[in-house]
Each structure stands twice: as C-alpha cells, then as structure tokens.
Amino acid sequence: MNADKFLELLMYTVPAIITGAVAYYLFDSYFKDQQNTRRWLLQKENQKHSLPLRLQAYERLALFLERINPAKLLIRVSPLSTDKNDYVRLLIQHIEQEYEHNLTQQVYVTNELWTMLLTAKNTIIQNIRKTALDENIINADQVREKILSNMLQDDVATNVALAFLKSEVSEVLG
C-alpha cells in the first residue's frame, strides 16, 4: 500500500510541479519583457530631452572652433601695442578663455571629438608661439601676417576638428 500512496502522491505532485515551473517561466518572461519595455520607453523619453542639449553643445563647440580659427581670431583680437610677445599672450589668452567657456560641453560629446577639439586648440597655440619665436618677426603686425601666411600653407587644425564635429552630428541625427 505504501507504493500505491507514493504513486498517488507522485501523480498529484508531478503535474503541480510542472504547472508551477511553467507558470514561473511565463511570469518571469512577462516581467522581464515589461522591464525591458519600461527601460526602452524611459530611454526614448530621455533621448527626447537630451538630443536638444547635445545639439546645442555641438553648436557651441562649432562656434568655439570658429572663434579660435586663426583667421577669425586675428581679425577679432587686435594688438594693444606693437610688442609681439604681448600680442601672442593676448591671442593665447583669448583662446584659453574660449576653451574654458566651453569646457562643460565635453559632457555631451564623445571622447574622440573632445580630444580633437583639445588637439586643435593646442595646435593653434603651439603655432602662435612658434611664430613668435621667429627672430625676423619684430612686431605684432608681423606676427599677424606670418600666422595668416602659415594658415594658407597648412590645413588649419580647427577645420579638421570642425569636419569631425560635423560627421559626429550627422551620426547623432541618424
């Protein structure tokens, strides 16, 4: 009789275990699906709010690159005296101020773009300093002329960074 009771218990228990396992699997799948749906909706909502901020950051960084472009910088920042070293310091000060003003924008762009911007800024500063070391240049106006003539010979770092920025914006916009 013990075997009959055991078999009867098994006949009730096995279907209950199978039913319980199937129910657990279905509920687990359903809750995971719901969680993924909520996560996707939240991400979509966040993207709706963050896209304008990212685009604004790209705009500000494009403006930064335009403002530190030597051709535009030299027009905007006139020498205060004829001393070439004073003018070089003034130019570098303007570039650094522009950079500091846009420092927070790095949160919204990729590390690659930020590295390109930093490289462009440092390249321009390095070129300005290198120009000032030329012993043939004796005053601020000659510094301006030399920087502009160097710009015509070389591809300006800001143009390279701006092209990279534009390609990244087109990727963001899809």
Protein backbone atom coordinates (compact mmCIF):
# COMPACT_ATOMS: atom_id res chain seq x y z
CA MET A 1 0.00 0.00 0.00
CA ASN A 2 2.86 2.40 0.62
CA ALA A 3 3.81 2.15 -3.04
CA ASP A 4 0.24 2.96 -4.06
CA LYS A 5 0.16 6.01 -1.79
CA PHE A 6 3.54 7.08 -3.10
CA LEU A 7 2.41 6.67 -6.70
CA GLU A 8 -0.79 8.57 -5.98
CA LEU A 9 1.21 11.37 -4.31
CA LEU A 10 3.54 11.42 -7.29
CA MET A 11 0.60 11.67 -9.69
CA TYR A 12 -0.59 14.82 -7.91
CA THR A 13 2.83 16.32 -7.25
CA VAL A 14 4.47 15.99 -10.68
CA PRO A 15 1.74 17.86 -12.59
CA ALA A 16 1.69 20.55 -9.86
CA ILE A 17 5.48 20.98 -10.12
CA ILE A 18 5.31 21.13 -13.92
CA THR A 19 2.45 23.64 -13.78
CA GLY A 20 4.33 25.71 -11.21
CA ALA A 21 7.52 25.67 -13.32
CA VAL A 22 5.63 26.73 -16.46
CA ALA A 23 3.83 29.49 -14.54
CA TYR A 24 7.15 30.69 -13.06
CA TYR A 25 8.76 30.73 -16.53
CA LEU A 26 5.83 32.63 -18.06
CA PHE A 27 5.66 35.20 -15.26
CA ASP A 28 9.42 35.65 -15.30
CA SER A 29 9.42 36.19 -19.08
CA TYR A 30 6.48 38.58 -18.81
CA PHE A 31 8.11 40.69 -16.07
CA LYS A 32 11.44 40.81 -17.93
CA ASP A 33 9.63 41.90 -21.07
CA GLN A 34 7.77 44.58 -19.12
CA GLN A 35 11.02 45.77 -17.54
CA ASN A 36 12.70 45.98 -20.95
CA THR A 37 9.71 47.88 -22.35
CA ARG A 38 9.82 50.36 -19.46
CA ARG A 39 13.59 50.76 -19.89
CA TRP A 40 13.15 51.37 -23.63
CA LEU A 41 10.39 53.93 -23.05
CA LEU A 42 12.47 55.69 -20.41
CA GLN A 43 15.49 55.75 -22.72
CA LYS A 44 13.34 57.12 -25.54
CA GLU A 45 11.96 59.82 -23.24
CA ASN A 46 15.46 60.72 -22.01
CA GLN A 47 16.73 60.87 -25.57
CA LYS A 48 13.92 63.25 -26.48
CA HIS A 49 15.15 65.62 -23.76
CA SER A 50 18.90 65.08 -24.22
CA LEU A 51 19.06 65.43 -28.02
CA PRO A 52 18.42 69.20 -27.97
CA LEU A 53 21.11 69.58 -25.28
CA ARG A 54 23.59 67.57 -27.34
CA LEU A 55 22.82 69.57 -30.47
CA GLN A 56 23.26 72.79 -28.53
CA ALA A 57 26.63 71.52 -27.30
CA TYR A 58 27.67 70.74 -30.87
CA GLU A 59 26.62 74.24 -31.92
CA ARG A 60 28.63 75.84 -29.12
CA LEU A 61 31.69 73.74 -29.95
CA ALA A 62 31.40 74.65 -33.63
CA LEU A 63 31.31 78.30 -32.57
CA PHE A 64 34.34 77.67 -30.33
CA LEU A 65 36.28 76.27 -33.30
CA GLU A 66 35.26 79.22 -35.45
CA ARG A 67 36.30 81.72 -32.77
CA ILE A 68 39.75 80.17 -32.29
CA ASN A 69 40.35 79.80 -36.02
CA PRO A 70 43.43 81.99 -36.55
CA ALA A 71 41.90 83.94 -39.45
CA LYS A 72 38.90 84.98 -37.38
CA LEU A 73 40.86 85.33 -34.15
CA LEU A 74 43.35 87.76 -35.72
CA ILE A 75 40.54 89.92 -37.08
CA ARG A 76 38.68 89.97 -33.77
CA VAL A 77 41.71 90.46 -31.49
CA SER A 78 43.78 93.46 -32.46
CA PRO A 79 47.18 94.12 -30.92
CA LEU A 80 47.16 96.53 -27.99
CA SER A 81 50.77 97.52 -28.67
CA THR A 82 53.48 96.76 -31.19
CA ASP A 83 55.19 94.25 -28.87
CA LYS A 84 54.92 90.81 -30.47
CA ASN A 85 55.11 88.90 -27.16
CA ASP A 86 52.26 90.92 -25.67
CA TYR A 87 50.15 90.16 -28.72
CA VAL A 88 50.95 86.46 -28.59
CA ARG A 89 49.95 86.35 -24.91
CA LEU A 90 46.72 88.20 -25.76
CA LEU A 91 45.87 85.73 -28.53
CA ILE A 92 46.57 82.73 -26.32
CA GLN A 93 44.55 84.30 -23.50
CA HIS A 94 41.56 84.65 -25.85
CA ILE A 95 41.87 81.03 -26.97
CA GLU A 96 42.09 79.79 -23.37
CA GLN A 97 39.07 81.89 -22.36
CA GLU A 98 37.03 80.45 -25.22
CA TYR A 99 38.09 76.94 -24.19
CA GLU A 100 37.21 77.49 -20.52
CA HIS A 101 33.86 78.97 -21.51
CA ASN A 102 33.01 75.74 -23.39
CA LEU A 103 34.63 73.24 -21.02
CA THR A 104 31.34 71.82 -19.77
CA GLN A 105 30.24 70.85 -23.28
CA GLN A 106 32.51 67.79 -23.12
CA VAL A 107 29.75 66.04 -21.16
CA TYR A 108 27.56 65.92 -24.28
CA VAL A 109 30.10 64.81 -26.91
CA THR A 110 32.27 61.75 -27.48
CA ASN A 111 35.77 61.49 -26.09
CA GLU A 112 37.13 61.36 -29.64
CA LEU A 113 35.55 64.70 -30.53
CA TRP A 114 36.70 66.31 -27.31
CA THR A 115 40.24 65.08 -27.97
CA MET A 116 40.06 66.57 -31.48
CA LEU A 117 38.95 69.93 -30.06
CA LEU A 118 41.70 69.92 -27.48
CA THR A 119 44.26 68.99 -30.12
CA ALA A 120 43.06 71.79 -32.40
CA LYS A 121 43.30 74.32 -29.57
CA ASN A 122 46.78 73.18 -28.56
CA THR A 123 47.99 73.10 -32.17
CA ILE A 124 46.88 76.68 -32.75
CA ILE A 125 48.54 77.86 -29.54
CA GLN A 126 51.72 76.00 -30.47
CA ASN A 127 51.73 77.57 -33.95
CA ILE A 128 51.25 81.05 -32.50
CA ARG A 129 54.13 80.53 -30.06
CA LYS A 130 56.33 79.09 -32.80
CA THR A 131 55.61 82.11 -34.98
CA ALA A 132 56.64 84.46 -32.18
CA LEU A 133 59.99 82.68 -31.83
CA ASP A 134 60.97 83.69 -35.38
CA GLU A 135 63.69 86.33 -34.93
CA ASN A 136 62.78 88.01 -38.23
CA ILE A 137 59.43 88.99 -36.75
CA ILE A 138 59.84 92.11 -34.64
CA ASN A 139 56.33 93.44 -34.02
CA ALA A 140 52.69 92.41 -33.54
CA ASP A 141 51.64 93.21 -37.11
CA GLN A 142 54.31 90.91 -38.48
CA VAL A 143 53.06 88.16 -36.14
CA ARG A 144 49.61 88.58 -37.64
CA GLU A 145 50.94 88.43 -41.19
CA LYS A 146 53.09 85.37 -40.51
CA ILE A 147 50.24 83.45 -38.82
CA LEU A 148 47.96 84.20 -41.76
CA SER A 149 50.57 83.13 -44.32
CA ASN A 150 51.22 79.90 -42.36
CA MET A 151 47.49 79.29 -42.37
CA LEU A 152 47.37 79.45 -46.16
CA GLN A 153 50.12 76.83 -46.41
CA ASP A 154 48.80 74.33 -43.84
CA ASP A 155 45.40 72.81 -43.19
CA VAL A 156 44.08 74.65 -40.15
CA ALA A 157 43.51 72.39 -37.14
CA THR A 158 40.11 73.95 -36.49
CA ASN A 159 38.90 72.93 -39.96
CA VAL A 160 39.88 69.32 -39.30
CA ALA A 161 38.12 69.33 -35.92
CA LEU A 162 35.06 71.04 -37.41
CA ALA A 163 34.80 68.36 -40.10
CA PHE A 164 34.98 65.68 -37.39
CA LEU A 165 32.30 67.52 -35.37
CA LYS A 166 30.00 67.69 -38.40
CA SER A 167 30.40 63.97 -39.07
CA GLU A 168 29.54 63.21 -35.44
CA VAL A 169 26.44 65.41 -35.60
CA SER A 170 25.28 63.60 -38.74
CA GLU A 171 25.69 60.27 -36.89
CA VAL A 172 23.65 61.56 -33.94
CA LEU A 173 20.89 62.74 -36.23
CA GLY A 174 20.90 59.39 -37.99
